[in-house]
Amino acid sequence: MTDLIHMPNKSEYFYRKAMNALEQNDYASASNFLKESYQIEPSLKVFKELISIHIIQNKSQAVKKLWQNFLSDHSIQDLDYELAMLYVHSLPYLFSHQKLLIQLYEIKEYFDQKNGITL
């Protein structure tokens, strides 16, 4: 940890460590490093990686918590294509089956109208 003192950006340091762990298929370490990075400096690239890892690991509570925090500051209408796709993949972790279908229709309709994006 002494090398952290010399790092100009601790968030980026943890992000790089996470990417190295992912290359080794070490999802637990990658997840921990990404959490550190995101706590230091929230960024979309780290958020996207965290959501992806939690989906891969089937960590529904982690997915739900991340989206709840993210959507408290952002709107679904602000999502870019990549985030919209991650949101769609996250829906089974966020809603019951009945509510899931409604959410899918709502997000599909919104992106069809606004961006011409097909989900």
PDB file of N, CA and C in Angstrom:
ATOM      1  N   MET A   1       0.804  -1.194   0.000  1.00  0.00           N
ATOM      2  CA  MET A   1       0.000   0.000   0.000  1.00  0.00           C
ATOM      3  C   MET A   1       0.852   1.265   0.000  1.00  0.00           C
ATOM      4  N   THR A   2       2.142   1.153   0.258  1.00  0.00           N
ATOM      5  CA  THR A   2       2.983   2.348   0.271  1.00  0.00           C
ATOM      6  C   THR A   2       3.064   2.999  -1.099  1.00  0.00           C
ATOM      7  N   ASP A   3       2.876   2.215  -2.161  1.00  0.00           N
ATOM      8  CA  ASP A   3       2.902   2.808  -3.497  1.00  0.00           C
ATOM      9  C   ASP A   3       1.678   3.682  -3.746  1.00  0.00           C
ATOM     10  N   LEU A   4       0.646   3.579  -2.924  1.00  0.00           N
ATOM     11  CA  LEU A   4      -0.518   4.463  -3.058  1.00  0.00           C
ATOM     12  C   LEU A   4      -0.144   5.906  -2.782  1.00  0.00           C
ATOM     13  N   ILE A   5       0.811   6.126  -1.902  1.00  0.00           N
ATOM     14  CA  ILE A   5       1.221   7.478  -1.557  1.00  0.00           C
ATOM     15  C   ILE A   5       1.774   8.194  -2.784  1.00  0.00           C
ATOM     16  N   HIS A   6       2.409   7.466  -3.656  1.00  0.00           N
ATOM     17  CA  HIS A   6       3.032   8.053  -4.832  1.00  0.00           C
ATOM     18  C   HIS A   6       2.102   8.113  -6.040  1.00  0.00           C
ATOM     19  N   MET A   7       0.911   7.577  -5.905  1.00  0.00           N
ATOM     20  CA  MET A   7      -0.022   7.569  -7.028  1.00  0.00           C
ATOM     21  C   MET A   7      -0.736   8.906  -7.121  1.00  0.00           C
ATOM     22  N   PRO A   8      -0.708   9.550  -8.291  1.00  0.00           N
ATOM     23  CA  PRO A   8      -1.379  10.841  -8.429  1.00  0.00           C
ATOM     24  C   PRO A   8      -2.908  10.706  -8.377  1.00  0.00           C
ATOM     25  N   ASN A   9      -3.431   9.571  -8.797  1.00  0.00           N
ATOM     26  CA  ASN A   9      -4.872   9.385  -8.808  1.00  0.00           C
ATOM     27  C   ASN A   9      -5.179   7.989  -8.262  1.00  0.00           C
ATOM     28  N   LYS A  10      -5.591   7.930  -7.015  1.00  0.00           N
ATOM     29  CA  LYS A  10      -5.842   6.642  -6.373  1.00  0.00           C
ATOM     30  C   LYS A  10      -6.989   5.896  -7.035  1.00  0.00           C
ATOM     31  N   SER A  11      -7.980   6.635  -7.481  1.00  0.00           N
ATOM     32  CA  SER A  11      -9.118   6.005  -8.143  1.00  0.00           C
ATOM     33  C   SER A  11      -8.665   5.254  -9.395  1.00  0.00           C
ATOM     34  N   GLU A  12      -7.843   5.893 -10.191  1.00  0.00           N
ATOM     35  CA  GLU A  12      -7.333   5.267 -11.420  1.00  0.00           C
ATOM     36  C   GLU A  12      -6.430   4.078 -11.089  1.00  0.00           C
ATOM     37  N   TYR A  13      -5.675   4.180 -10.017  1.00  0.00           N
ATOM     38  CA  TYR A  13      -4.822   3.086  -9.566  1.00  0.00           C
ATOM     39  C   TYR A  13      -5.674   1.839  -9.290  1.00  0.00           C
ATOM     40  N   PHE A  14      -6.743   2.002  -8.514  1.00  0.00           N
ATOM     41  CA  PHE A  14      -7.607   0.866  -8.197  1.00  0.00           C
ATOM     42  C   PHE A  14      -8.324   0.346  -9.444  1.00  0.00           C
ATOM     43  N   TYR A  15      -8.678   1.250 -10.350  1.00  0.00           N
ATOM     44  CA  TYR A  15      -9.316   0.827 -11.605  1.00  0.00           C
ATOM     45  C   TYR A  15      -8.362  -0.069 -12.403  1.00  0.00           C
ATOM     46  N   ARG A  16      -7.111   0.347 -12.520  1.00  0.00           N
ATOM     47  CA  ARG A  16      -6.127  -0.468 -13.261  1.00  0.00           C
ATOM     48  C   ARG A  16      -5.908  -1.814 -12.579  1.00  0.00           C
ATOM     49  N   LYS A  17      -5.852  -1.816 -11.251  1.00  0.00           N
ATOM     50  CA  LYS A  17      -5.718  -3.085 -10.515  1.00  0.00           C
ATOM     51  C   LYS A  17      -6.920  -3.985 -10.808  1.00  0.00           C
ATOM     52  N   ALA A  18      -8.105  -3.391 -10.869  1.00  0.00           N
ATOM     53  CA  ALA A  18      -9.315  -4.163 -11.164  1.00  0.00           C
ATOM     54  C   ALA A  18      -9.254  -4.759 -12.563  1.00  0.00           C
ATOM     55  N   MET A  19      -8.800  -3.981 -13.537  1.00  0.00           N
ATOM     56  CA  MET A  19      -8.714  -4.480 -14.905  1.00  0.00           C
ATOM     57  C   MET A  19      -7.697  -5.628 -14.997  1.00  0.00           C
ATOM     58  N   ASN A  20      -6.614  -5.519 -14.249  1.00  0.00           N
ATOM     59  CA  ASN A  20      -5.627  -6.609 -14.209  1.00  0.00           C
ATOM     60  C   ASN A  20      -6.234  -7.864 -13.581  1.00  0.00           C
ATOM     61  N   ALA A  21      -7.006  -7.685 -12.520  1.00  0.00           N
ATOM     62  CA  ALA A  21      -7.665  -8.824 -11.875  1.00  0.00           C
ATOM     63  C   ALA A  21      -8.673  -9.463 -12.827  1.00  0.00           C
ATOM     64  N   LEU A  22      -9.390  -8.640 -13.584  1.00  0.00           N
ATOM     65  CA  LEU A  22     -10.357  -9.178 -14.554  1.00  0.00           C
ATOM     66  C   LEU A  22      -9.661 -10.016 -15.619  1.00  0.00           C
ATOM     67  N   GLU A  23      -8.491  -9.571 -16.055  1.00  0.00           N
ATOM     68  CA  GLU A  23      -7.730 -10.348 -17.042  1.00  0.00           C
ATOM     69  C   GLU A  23      -7.381 -11.730 -16.513  1.00  0.00           C
ATOM     70  N   GLN A  24      -7.271 -11.846 -15.205  1.00  0.00           N
ATOM     71  CA  GLN A  24      -6.967 -13.124 -14.561  1.00  0.00           C
ATOM     72  C   GLN A  24      -8.244 -13.862 -14.134  1.00  0.00           C
ATOM     73  N   ASN A  25      -9.395 -13.331 -14.524  1.00  0.00           N
ATOM     74  CA  ASN A  25     -10.712 -13.876 -14.132  1.00  0.00           C
ATOM     75  C   ASN A  25     -10.899 -13.911 -12.614  1.00  0.00           C
ATOM     76  N   ASP A  26     -10.259 -12.976 -11.933  1.00  0.00           N
ATOM     77  CA  ASP A  26     -10.387 -12.856 -10.487  1.00  0.00           C
ATOM     78  C   ASP A  26     -11.458 -11.799 -10.194  1.00  0.00           C
ATOM     79  N   TYR A  27     -12.719 -12.230 -10.285  1.00  0.00           N
ATOM     80  CA  TYR A  27     -13.835 -11.299 -10.150  1.00  0.00           C
ATOM     81  C   TYR A  27     -13.950 -10.722  -8.744  1.00  0.00           C
ATOM     82  N   ALA A  28     -13.619 -11.490  -7.729  1.00  0.00           N
ATOM     83  CA  ALA A  28     -13.722 -10.992  -6.354  1.00  0.00           C
ATOM     84  C   ALA A  28     -12.764  -9.823  -6.131  1.00  0.00           C
ATOM     85  N   SER A  29     -11.512  -9.994  -6.542  1.00  0.00           N
ATOM     86  CA  SER A  29     -10.535  -8.911  -6.387  1.00  0.00           C
ATOM     87  C   SER A  29     -10.915  -7.721  -7.262  1.00  0.00           C
ATOM     88  N   ALA A  30     -11.318  -8.005  -8.489  1.00  0.00           N
ATOM     89  CA  ALA A  30     -11.709  -6.923  -9.396  1.00  0.00           C
ATOM     90  C   ALA A  30     -12.856  -6.116  -8.801  1.00  0.00           C
ATOM     91  N   SER A  31     -13.820  -6.807  -8.246  1.00  0.00           N
ATOM     92  CA  SER A  31     -14.957  -6.136  -7.632  1.00  0.00           C
ATOM     93  C   SER A  31     -14.514  -5.249  -6.472  1.00  0.00           C
ATOM     94  N   ASN A  32     -13.631  -5.757  -5.631  1.00  0.00           N
ATOM     95  CA  ASN A  32     -13.131  -4.966  -4.502  1.00  0.00           C
ATOM     96  C   ASN A  32     -12.366  -3.732  -4.962  1.00  0.00           C
ATOM     97  N   PHE A  33     -11.508  -3.893  -5.968  1.00  0.00           N
ATOM     98  CA  PHE A  33     -10.749  -2.757  -6.485  1.00  0.00           C
ATOM     99  C   PHE A  33     -11.675  -1.721  -7.127  1.00  0.00           C
ATOM    100  N   LEU A  34     -12.676  -2.193  -7.843  1.00  0.00           N
ATOM    101  CA  LEU A  34     -13.623  -1.265  -8.465  1.00  0.00           C
ATOM    102  C   LEU A  34     -14.423  -0.501  -7.413  1.00  0.00           C
ATOM    103  N   LYS A  35     -14.809  -1.186  -6.348  1.00  0.00           N
ATOM    104  CA  LYS A  35     -15.523  -0.502  -5.262  1.00  0.00           C
ATOM    105  C   LYS A  35     -14.652   0.600  -4.664  1.00  0.00           C
ATOM    106  N   GLU A  36     -13.384   0.283  -4.454  1.00  0.00           N
ATOM    107  CA  GLU A  36     -12.450   1.299  -3.928  1.00  0.00           C
ATOM    108  C   GLU A  36     -12.371   2.484  -4.882  1.00  0.00           C
ATOM    109  N   SER A  37     -12.192   2.198  -6.152  1.00  0.00           N
ATOM    110  CA  SER A  37     -12.085   3.256  -7.155  1.00  0.00           C
ATOM    111  C   SER A  37     -13.341   4.120  -7.169  1.00  0.00           C
ATOM    112  N   TYR A  38     -14.482   3.476  -7.131  1.00  0.00           N
ATOM    113  CA  TYR A  38     -15.761   4.204  -7.215  1.00  0.00           C
ATOM    114  C   TYR A  38     -16.016   5.034  -5.962  1.00  0.00           C
ATOM    115  N   GLN A  39     -15.597   4.539  -4.805  1.00  0.00           N
ATOM    116  CA  GLN A  39     -15.755   5.311  -3.573  1.00  0.00           C
ATOM    117  C   GLN A  39     -14.879   6.560  -3.584  1.00  0.00           C
ATOM    118  N   ILE A  40     -13.693   6.443  -4.128  1.00  0.00           N
ATOM    119  CA  ILE A  40     -12.782   7.581  -4.188  1.00  0.00           C
ATOM    120  C   ILE A  40     -13.288   8.617  -5.184  1.00  0.00           C
ATOM    121  N   GLU A  41     -13.679   8.139  -6.366  1.00  0.00           N
ATOM    122  CA  GLU A  41     -14.126   9.043  -7.425  1.00  0.00           C
ATOM    123  C   GLU A  41     -15.120   8.317  -8.324  1.00  0.00           C
ATOM    124  N   PRO A  42     -16.412   8.525  -8.084  1.00  0.00           N
ATOM    125  CA  PRO A  42     -17.415   7.866  -8.942  1.00  0.00           C
ATOM    126  C   PRO A  42     -17.239   8.278 -10.408  1.00  0.00           C
ATOM    127  N   SER A  43     -17.225   7.279 -11.269  1.00  0.00           N
ATOM    128  CA  SER A  43     -17.143   7.541 -12.713  1.00  0.00           C
ATOM    129  C   SER A  43     -18.007   6.524 -13.441  1.00  0.00           C
ATOM    130  N   LEU A  44     -18.432   6.881 -14.634  1.00  0.00           N
ATOM    131  CA  LEU A  44     -19.280   5.978 -15.417  1.00  0.00           C
ATOM    132  C   LEU A  44     -18.539   4.700 -15.802  1.00  0.00           C
ATOM    133  N   LYS A  45     -17.250   4.816 -16.156  1.00  0.00           N
ATOM    134  CA  LYS A  45     -16.531   3.607 -16.581  1.00  0.00           C
ATOM    135  C   LYS A  45     -16.434   2.610 -15.433  1.00  0.00           C
ATOM    136  N   VAL A  46     -16.222   3.091 -14.224  1.00  0.00           N
ATOM    137  CA  VAL A  46     -16.145   2.200 -13.066  1.00  0.00           C
ATOM    138  C   VAL A  46     -17.526   1.655 -12.737  1.00  0.00           C
ATOM    139  N   PHE A  47     -18.533   2.508 -12.806  1.00  0.00           N
ATOM    140  CA  PHE A  47     -19.909   2.068 -12.548  1.00  0.00           C
ATOM    141  C   PHE A  47     -20.299   0.947 -13.503  1.00  0.00           C
ATOM    142  N   LYS A  48     -20.002   1.112 -14.778  1.00  0.00           N
ATOM    143  CA  LYS A  48     -20.334   0.095 -15.779  1.00  0.00           C
ATOM    144  C   LYS A  48     -19.639  -1.234 -15.477  1.00  0.00           C
ATOM    145  N   GLU A  49     -18.368  -1.161 -15.097  1.00  0.00           N
ATOM    146  CA  GLU A  49     -17.636  -2.388 -14.767  1.00  0.00           C
ATOM    147  C   GLU A  49     -18.211  -3.050 -13.522  1.00  0.00           C
ATOM    148  N   LEU A  50     -18.542  -2.244 -12.513  1.00  0.00           N
ATOM    149  CA  LEU A  50     -19.119  -2.798 -11.284  1.00  0.00           C
ATOM    150  C   LEU A  50     -20.438  -3.501 -11.556  1.00  0.00           C
ATOM    151  N   ILE A  51     -21.307  -2.854 -12.313  1.00  0.00           N
ATOM    152  CA  ILE A  51     -22.598  -3.465 -12.646  1.00  0.00           C
ATOM    153  C   ILE A  51     -22.364  -4.777 -13.390  1.00  0.00           C
ATOM    154  N   SER A  52     -21.481  -4.754 -14.365  1.00  0.00           N
ATOM    155  CA  SER A  52     -21.203  -5.959 -15.161  1.00  0.00           C
ATOM    156  C   SER A  52     -20.708  -7.101 -14.288  1.00  0.00           C
ATOM    157  N   ILE A  53     -19.762  -6.805 -13.411  1.00  0.00           N
ATOM    158  CA  ILE A  53     -19.215  -7.847 -12.537  1.00  0.00           C
ATOM    159  C   ILE A  53     -20.290  -8.399 -11.608  1.00  0.00           C
ATOM    160  N   HIS A  54     -21.111  -7.519 -11.052  1.00  0.00           N
ATOM    161  CA  HIS A  54     -22.157  -7.984 -10.143  1.00  0.00           C
ATOM    162  C   HIS A  54     -23.201  -8.826 -10.875  1.00  0.00           C
ATOM    163  N   ILE A  55     -23.479  -8.496 -12.115  1.00  0.00           N
ATOM    164  CA  ILE A  55     -24.403  -9.316 -12.908  1.00  0.00           C
ATOM    165  C   ILE A  55     -23.774 -10.690 -13.159  1.00  0.00           C
ATOM    166  N   ILE A  56     -22.513 -10.709 -13.556  1.00  0.00           N
ATOM    167  CA  ILE A  56     -21.806 -11.971 -13.804  1.00  0.00           C
ATOM    168  C   ILE A  56     -21.814 -12.843 -12.552  1.00  0.00           C
ATOM    169  N   GLN A  57     -21.620 -12.210 -11.401  1.00  0.00           N
ATOM    170  CA  GLN A  57     -21.559 -12.948 -10.140  1.00  0.00           C
ATOM    171  C   GLN A  57     -22.942 -13.186  -9.526  1.00  0.00           C
ATOM    172  N   ASN A  58     -23.970 -12.704 -10.210  1.00  0.00           N
ATOM    173  CA  ASN A  58     -25.356 -12.875  -9.749  1.00  0.00           C
ATOM    174  C   ASN A  58     -25.575 -12.272  -8.351  1.00  0.00           C
ATOM    175  N   LYS A  59     -25.011 -11.102  -8.127  1.00  0.00           N
ATOM    176  CA  LYS A  59     -25.132 -10.400  -6.847  1.00  0.00           C
ATOM    177  C   LYS A  59     -26.267  -9.383  -6.945  1.00  0.00           C
ATOM    178  N   SER A  60     -27.479  -9.874  -6.747  1.00  0.00           N
ATOM    179  CA  SER A  60     -28.664  -9.043  -6.964  1.00  0.00           C
ATOM    180  C   SER A  60     -28.714  -7.831  -6.045  1.00  0.00           C
ATOM    181  N   GLN A  61     -28.356  -7.989  -4.786  1.00  0.00           N
ATOM    182  CA  GLN A  61     -28.417  -6.844  -3.856  1.00  0.00           C
ATOM    183  C   GLN A  61     -27.407  -5.763  -4.239  1.00  0.00           C
ATOM    184  N   ALA A  62     -26.233  -6.175  -4.697  1.00  0.00           N
ATOM    185  CA  ALA A  62     -25.217  -5.209  -5.120  1.00  0.00           C
ATOM    186  C   ALA A  62     -25.677  -4.455  -6.365  1.00  0.00           C
ATOM    187  N   VAL A  63     -26.271  -5.178  -7.317  1.00  0.00           N
ATOM    188  CA  VAL A  63     -26.799  -4.546  -8.529  1.00  0.00           C
ATOM    189  C   VAL A  63     -27.882  -3.545  -8.150  1.00  0.00           C
ATOM    190  N   LYS A  64     -28.790  -3.973  -7.310  1.00  0.00           N
ATOM    191  CA  LYS A  64     -29.908  -3.121  -6.895  1.00  0.00           C
ATOM    192  C   LYS A  64     -29.407  -1.856  -6.190  1.00  0.00           C
ATOM    193  N   LYS A  65     -28.464  -2.016  -5.285  1.00  0.00           N
ATOM    194  CA  LYS A  65     -27.947  -0.878  -4.531  1.00  0.00           C
ATOM    195  C   LYS A  65     -27.229   0.113  -5.450  1.00  0.00           C
ATOM    196  N   LEU A  66     -26.410  -0.397  -6.352  1.00  0.00           N
ATOM    197  CA  LEU A  66     -25.699   0.488  -7.283  1.00  0.00           C
ATOM    198  C   LEU A  66     -26.674   1.302  -8.127  1.00  0.00           C
ATOM    199  N   TRP A  67     -27.690   0.629  -8.689  1.00  0.00           N
ATOM    200  CA  TRP A  67     -28.661   1.347  -9.521  1.00  0.00           C
ATOM    201  C   TRP A  67     -29.478   2.338  -8.701  1.00  0.00           C
ATOM    202  N   GLN A  68     -29.870   1.973  -7.494  1.00  0.00           N
ATOM    203  CA  GLN A  68     -30.640   2.895  -6.660  1.00  0.00           C
ATOM    204  C   GLN A  68     -29.834   4.161  -6.389  1.00  0.00           C
ATOM    205  N   ASN A  69     -28.568   4.001  -6.039  1.00  0.00           N
ATOM    206  CA  ASN A  69     -27.716   5.168  -5.793  1.00  0.00           C
ATOM    207  C   ASN A  69     -27.510   5.979  -7.064  1.00  0.00           C
ATOM    208  N   PHE A  70     -27.256   5.286  -8.167  1.00  0.00           N
ATOM    209  CA  PHE A  70     -27.008   5.972  -9.438  1.00  0.00           C
ATOM    210  C   PHE A  70     -28.245   6.749  -9.884  1.00  0.00           C
ATOM    211  N   LEU A  71     -29.408   6.100  -9.801  1.00  0.00           N
ATOM    212  CA  LEU A  71     -30.637   6.737 -10.284  1.00  0.00           C
ATOM    213  C   LEU A  71     -31.159   7.808  -9.327  1.00  0.00           C
ATOM    214  N   SER A  72     -30.601   7.891  -8.139  1.00  0.00           N
ATOM    215  CA  SER A  72     -30.975   8.993  -7.253  1.00  0.00           C
ATOM    216  C   SER A  72     -30.362  10.306  -7.751  1.00  0.00           C
ATOM    217  N   ASP A  73     -29.287  10.207  -8.533  1.00  0.00           N
ATOM    218  CA  ASP A  73     -28.618  11.393  -9.089  1.00  0.00           C
ATOM    219  C   ASP A  73     -28.812  11.556 -10.591  1.00  0.00           C
ATOM    220  N   HIS A  74     -29.273  10.500 -11.262  1.00  0.00           N
ATOM    221  CA  HIS A  74     -29.418  10.512 -12.719  1.00  0.00           C
ATOM    222  C   HIS A  74     -30.811  10.003 -13.087  1.00  0.00           C
ATOM    223  N   SER A  75     -31.181  10.277 -14.309  1.00  0.00           N
ATOM    224  CA  SER A  75     -32.463   9.807 -14.826  1.00  0.00           C
ATOM    225  C   SER A  75     -32.214   8.705 -15.855  1.00  0.00           C
ATOM    226  N   ILE A  76     -33.181   7.833 -15.989  1.00  0.00           N
ATOM    227  CA  ILE A  76     -33.077   6.788 -17.017  1.00  0.00           C
ATOM    228  C   ILE A  76     -32.944   7.431 -18.401  1.00  0.00           C
ATOM    229  N   GLN A  77     -33.555   8.576 -18.563  1.00  0.00           N
ATOM    230  CA  GLN A  77     -33.493   9.274 -19.846  1.00  0.00           C
ATOM    231  C   GLN A  77     -32.083   9.765 -20.178  1.00  0.00           C
ATOM    232  N   ASP A  78     -31.209   9.822 -19.186  1.00  0.00           N
ATOM    233  CA  ASP A  78     -29.837  10.283 -19.403  1.00  0.00           C
ATOM    234  C   ASP A  78     -28.875   9.158 -19.788  1.00  0.00           C
ATOM    235  N   LEU A  79     -29.342   7.924 -19.767  1.00  0.00           N
ATOM    236  CA  LEU A  79     -28.457   6.794 -20.025  1.00  0.00           C
ATOM    237  C   LEU A  79     -28.007   6.773 -21.478  1.00  0.00           C
ATOM    238  N   ASP A  80     -26.723   6.504 -21.682  1.00  0.00           N
ATOM    239  CA  ASP A  80     -26.244   6.269 -23.035  1.00  0.00           C
ATOM    240  C   ASP A  80     -26.580   4.822 -23.405  1.00  0.00           C
ATOM    241  N   TYR A  81     -26.268   4.434 -24.607  1.00  0.00           N
ATOM    242  CA  TYR A  81     -26.646   3.103 -25.082  1.00  0.00           C
ATOM    243  C   TYR A  81     -26.062   2.001 -24.192  1.00  0.00           C
ATOM    244  N   GLU A  82     -24.781   2.116 -23.866  1.00  0.00           N
ATOM    245  CA  GLU A  82     -24.127   1.079 -23.064  1.00  0.00           C
ATOM    246  C   GLU A  82     -24.769   0.962 -21.679  1.00  0.00           C
ATOM    247  N   LEU A  83     -25.034   2.103 -21.051  1.00  0.00           N
ATOM    248  CA  LEU A  83     -25.691   2.074 -19.746  1.00  0.00           C
ATOM    249  C   LEU A  83     -27.120   1.563 -19.851  1.00  0.00           C
ATOM    250  N   ALA A  84     -27.798   1.918 -20.931  1.00  0.00           N
ATOM    251  CA  ALA A  84     -29.167   1.423 -21.128  1.00  0.00           C
ATOM    252  C   ALA A  84     -29.172  -0.094 -21.235  1.00  0.00           C
ATOM    253  N   MET A  85     -28.197  -0.641 -21.939  1.00  0.00           N
ATOM    254  CA  MET A  85     -28.117  -2.096 -22.066  1.00  0.00           C
ATOM    255  C   MET A  85     -27.809  -2.749 -20.718  1.00  0.00           C
ATOM    256  N   LEU A  86     -26.929  -2.144 -19.944  1.00  0.00           N
ATOM    257  CA  LEU A  86     -26.643  -2.666 -18.608  1.00  0.00           C
ATOM    258  C   LEU A  86     -27.883  -2.585 -17.715  1.00  0.00           C
ATOM    259  N   TYR A  87     -28.644  -1.513 -17.875  1.00  0.00           N
ATOM    260  CA  TYR A  87     -29.879  -1.376 -17.110  1.00  0.00           C
ATOM    261  C   TYR A  87     -30.865  -2.483 -17.475  1.00  0.00           C
ATOM    262  N   VAL A  88     -30.995  -2.738 -18.762  1.00  0.00           N
ATOM    263  CA  VAL A  88     -31.890  -3.801 -19.220  1.00  0.00           C
ATOM    264  C   VAL A  88     -31.453  -5.150 -18.640  1.00  0.00           C
ATOM    265  N   HIS A  89     -30.154  -5.412 -18.651  1.00  0.00           N
ATOM    266  CA  HIS A  89     -29.643  -6.671 -18.080  1.00  0.00           C
ATOM    267  C   HIS A  89     -29.822  -6.722 -16.568  1.00  0.00           C
ATOM    268  N   SER A  90     -29.919  -5.558 -15.945  1.00  0.00           N
ATOM    269  CA  SER A  90     -30.092  -5.475 -14.490  1.00  0.00           C
ATOM    270  C   SER A  90     -31.544  -5.613 -14.056  1.00  0.00           C
ATOM    271  N   LEU A  91     -32.477  -5.404 -14.967  1.00  0.00           N
ATOM    272  CA  LEU A  91     -33.899  -5.381 -14.600  1.00  0.00           C
ATOM    273  C   LEU A  91     -34.366  -6.600 -13.804  1.00  0.00           C
ATOM    274  N   PRO A  92     -33.930  -7.814 -14.133  1.00  0.00           N
ATOM    275  CA  PRO A  92     -34.373  -8.967 -13.321  1.00  0.00           C
ATOM    276  C   PRO A  92     -33.932  -8.882 -11.858  1.00  0.00           C
ATOM    277  N   TYR A  93     -32.888  -8.118 -11.589  1.00  0.00           N
ATOM    278  CA  TYR A  93     -32.427  -7.938 -10.215  1.00  0.00           C
ATOM    279  C   TYR A  93     -33.186  -6.821  -9.497  1.00  0.00           C
ATOM    280  N   LEU A  94     -33.861  -5.986 -10.284  1.00  0.00           N
ATOM    281  CA  LEU A  94     -34.489  -4.788  -9.731  1.00  0.00           C
ATOM    282  C   LEU A  94     -35.998  -4.906  -9.538  1.00  0.00           C
ATOM    283  N   PHE A  95     -36.636  -5.762 -10.346  1.00  0.00           N
ATOM    284  CA  PHE A  95     -38.103  -5.809 -10.351  1.00  0.00           C
ATOM    285  C   PHE A  95     -38.620  -7.244 -10.380  1.00  0.00           C
ATOM    286  N   SER A  96     -39.843  -7.394  -9.894  1.00  0.00           N
ATOM    287  CA  SER A  96     -40.535  -8.678 -10.029  1.00  0.00           C
ATOM    288  C   SER A  96     -40.853  -8.891 -11.505  1.00  0.00           C
ATOM    289  N   HIS A  97     -41.292 -10.085 -11.861  1.00  0.00           N
ATOM    290  CA  HIS A  97     -41.561 -10.397 -13.270  1.00  0.00           C
ATOM    291  C   HIS A  97     -42.613  -9.483 -13.876  1.00  0.00           C
ATOM    292  N   GLN A  98     -43.675  -9.201 -13.159  1.00  0.00           N
ATOM    293  CA  GLN A  98     -44.727  -8.332 -13.703  1.00  0.00           C
ATOM    294  C   GLN A  98     -44.207  -6.913 -13.913  1.00  0.00           C
ATOM    295  N   LYS A  99     -43.511  -6.382 -12.939  1.00  0.00           N
ATOM    296  CA  LYS A  99     -42.964  -5.033 -13.054  1.00  0.00           C
ATOM    297  C   LYS A  99     -41.837  -4.984 -14.071  1.00  0.00           C
ATOM    298  N   LEU A 100     -41.133  -6.091 -14.221  1.00  0.00           N
ATOM    299  CA  LEU A 100     -40.041  -6.177 -15.179  1.00  0.00           C
ATOM    300  C   LEU A 100     -40.539  -5.917 -16.595  1.00  0.00           C
ATOM    301  N   LEU A 101     -41.629  -6.548 -16.972  1.00  0.00           N
ATOM    302  CA  LEU A 101     -42.182  -6.342 -18.320  1.00  0.00           C
ATOM    303  C   LEU A 101     -42.585  -4.897 -18.548  1.00  0.00           C
ATOM    304  N   ILE A 102     -43.173  -4.288 -17.552  1.00  0.00           N
ATOM    305  CA  ILE A 102     -43.571  -2.884 -17.674  1.00  0.00           C
ATOM    306  C   ILE A 102     -42.339  -2.011 -17.872  1.00  0.00           C
ATOM    307  N   GLN A 103     -41.310  -2.261 -17.088  1.00  0.00           N
ATOM    308  CA  GLN A 103     -40.072  -1.489 -17.222  1.00  0.00           C
ATOM    309  C   GLN A 103     -39.443  -1.669 -18.598  1.00  0.00           C
ATOM    310  N   LEU A 104     -39.440  -2.894 -19.090  1.00  0.00           N
ATOM    311  CA  LEU A 104     -38.885  -3.143 -20.426  1.00  0.00           C
ATOM    312  C   LEU A 104     -39.626  -2.356 -21.494  1.00  0.00           C
ATOM    313  N   TYR A 105     -40.938  -2.362 -21.429  1.00  0.00           N
ATOM    314  CA  TYR A 105     -41.725  -1.607 -22.401  1.00  0.00           C
ATOM    315  C   TYR A 105     -41.471  -0.109 -22.276  1.00  0.00           C
ATOM    316  N   GLU A 106     -41.397   0.377 -21.047  1.00  0.00           N
ATOM    317  CA  GLU A 106     -41.178   1.805 -20.856  1.00  0.00           C
ATOM    318  C   GLU A 106     -39.818   2.249 -21.380  1.00  0.00           C
ATOM    319  N   ILE A 107     -38.780   1.492 -21.051  1.00  0.00           N
ATOM    320  CA  ILE A 107     -37.448   1.895 -21.506  1.00  0.00           C
ATOM    321  C   ILE A 107     -37.316   1.718 -23.016  1.00  0.00           C
ATOM    322  N   LYS A 108     -37.921   0.689 -23.570  1.00  0.00           N
ATOM    323  CA  LYS A 108     -37.879   0.485 -25.020  1.00  0.00           C
ATOM    324  C   LYS A 108     -38.578   1.633 -25.733  1.00  0.00           C
ATOM    325  N   GLU A 109     -39.734   1.987 -25.255  1.00  0.00           N
ATOM    326  CA  GLU A 109     -40.494   3.082 -25.869  1.00  0.00           C
ATOM    327  C   GLU A 109     -39.719   4.395 -25.790  1.00  0.00           C
ATOM    328  N   TYR A 110     -39.150   4.664 -24.644  1.00  0.00           N
ATOM    329  CA  TYR A 110     -38.396   5.900 -24.484  1.00  0.00           C
ATOM    330  C   TYR A 110     -37.223   5.975 -25.454  1.00  0.00           C
ATOM    331  N   PHE A 111     -36.418   4.913 -25.512  1.00  0.00           N
ATOM    332  CA  PHE A 111     -35.241   4.952 -26.370  1.00  0.00           C
ATOM    333  C   PHE A 111     -35.596   4.876 -27.845  1.00  0.00           C
ATOM    334  N   ASP A 112     -36.678   4.202 -28.183  1.00  0.00           N
ATOM    335  CA  ASP A 112     -37.129   4.210 -29.586  1.00  0.00           C
ATOM    336  C   ASP A 112     -37.476   5.636 -30.006  1.00  0.00           C
ATOM    337  N   GLN A 113     -38.174   6.349 -29.139  1.00  0.00           N
ATOM    338  CA  GLN A 113     -38.621   7.714 -29.466  1.00  0.00           C
ATOM    339  C   GLN A 113     -37.477   8.718 -29.442  1.00  0.00           C
ATOM    340  N   LYS A 114     -36.683   8.669 -28.380  1.00  0.00           N
ATOM    341  CA  LYS A 114     -35.671   9.691 -28.187  1.00  0.00           C
ATOM    342  C   LYS A 114     -34.439   9.509 -29.060  1.00  0.00           C
ATOM    343  N   ASN A 115     -33.915   8.326 -29.090  1.00  0.00           N
ATOM    344  CA  ASN A 115     -32.608   8.114 -29.702  1.00  0.00           C
ATOM    345  C   ASN A 115     -32.619   7.209 -30.929  1.00  0.00           C
ATOM    346  N   GLY A 116     -33.734   6.626 -31.210  1.00  0.00           N
ATOM    347  CA  GLY A 116     -33.755   5.661 -32.304  1.00  0.00           C
ATOM    348  C   GLY A 116     -32.991   4.400 -31.958  1.00  0.00           C
ATOM    349  N   ILE A 117     -32.769   4.187 -30.663  1.00  0.00           N
ATOM    350  CA  ILE A 117     -32.040   2.999 -30.211  1.00  0.00           C
ATOM    351  C   ILE A 117     -33.019   1.854 -30.070  1.00  0.00           C
ATOM    352  N   THR A 118     -32.652   0.704 -30.586  1.00  0.00           N
ATOM    353  CA  THR A 118     -33.489  -0.479 -30.420  1.00  0.00           C
ATOM    354  C   THR A 118     -32.843  -1.365 -29.370  1.00  0.00           C
ATOM    355  N   LEU A 119     -33.604  -1.657 -28.332  1.00  0.00           N
ATOM    356  CA  LEU A 119     -33.099  -2.511 -27.258  1.00  0.00           C
ATOM    357  C   LEU A 119     -33.515  -3.935 -27.468  1.00  0.00           C
TER     358      LEU A 119
END
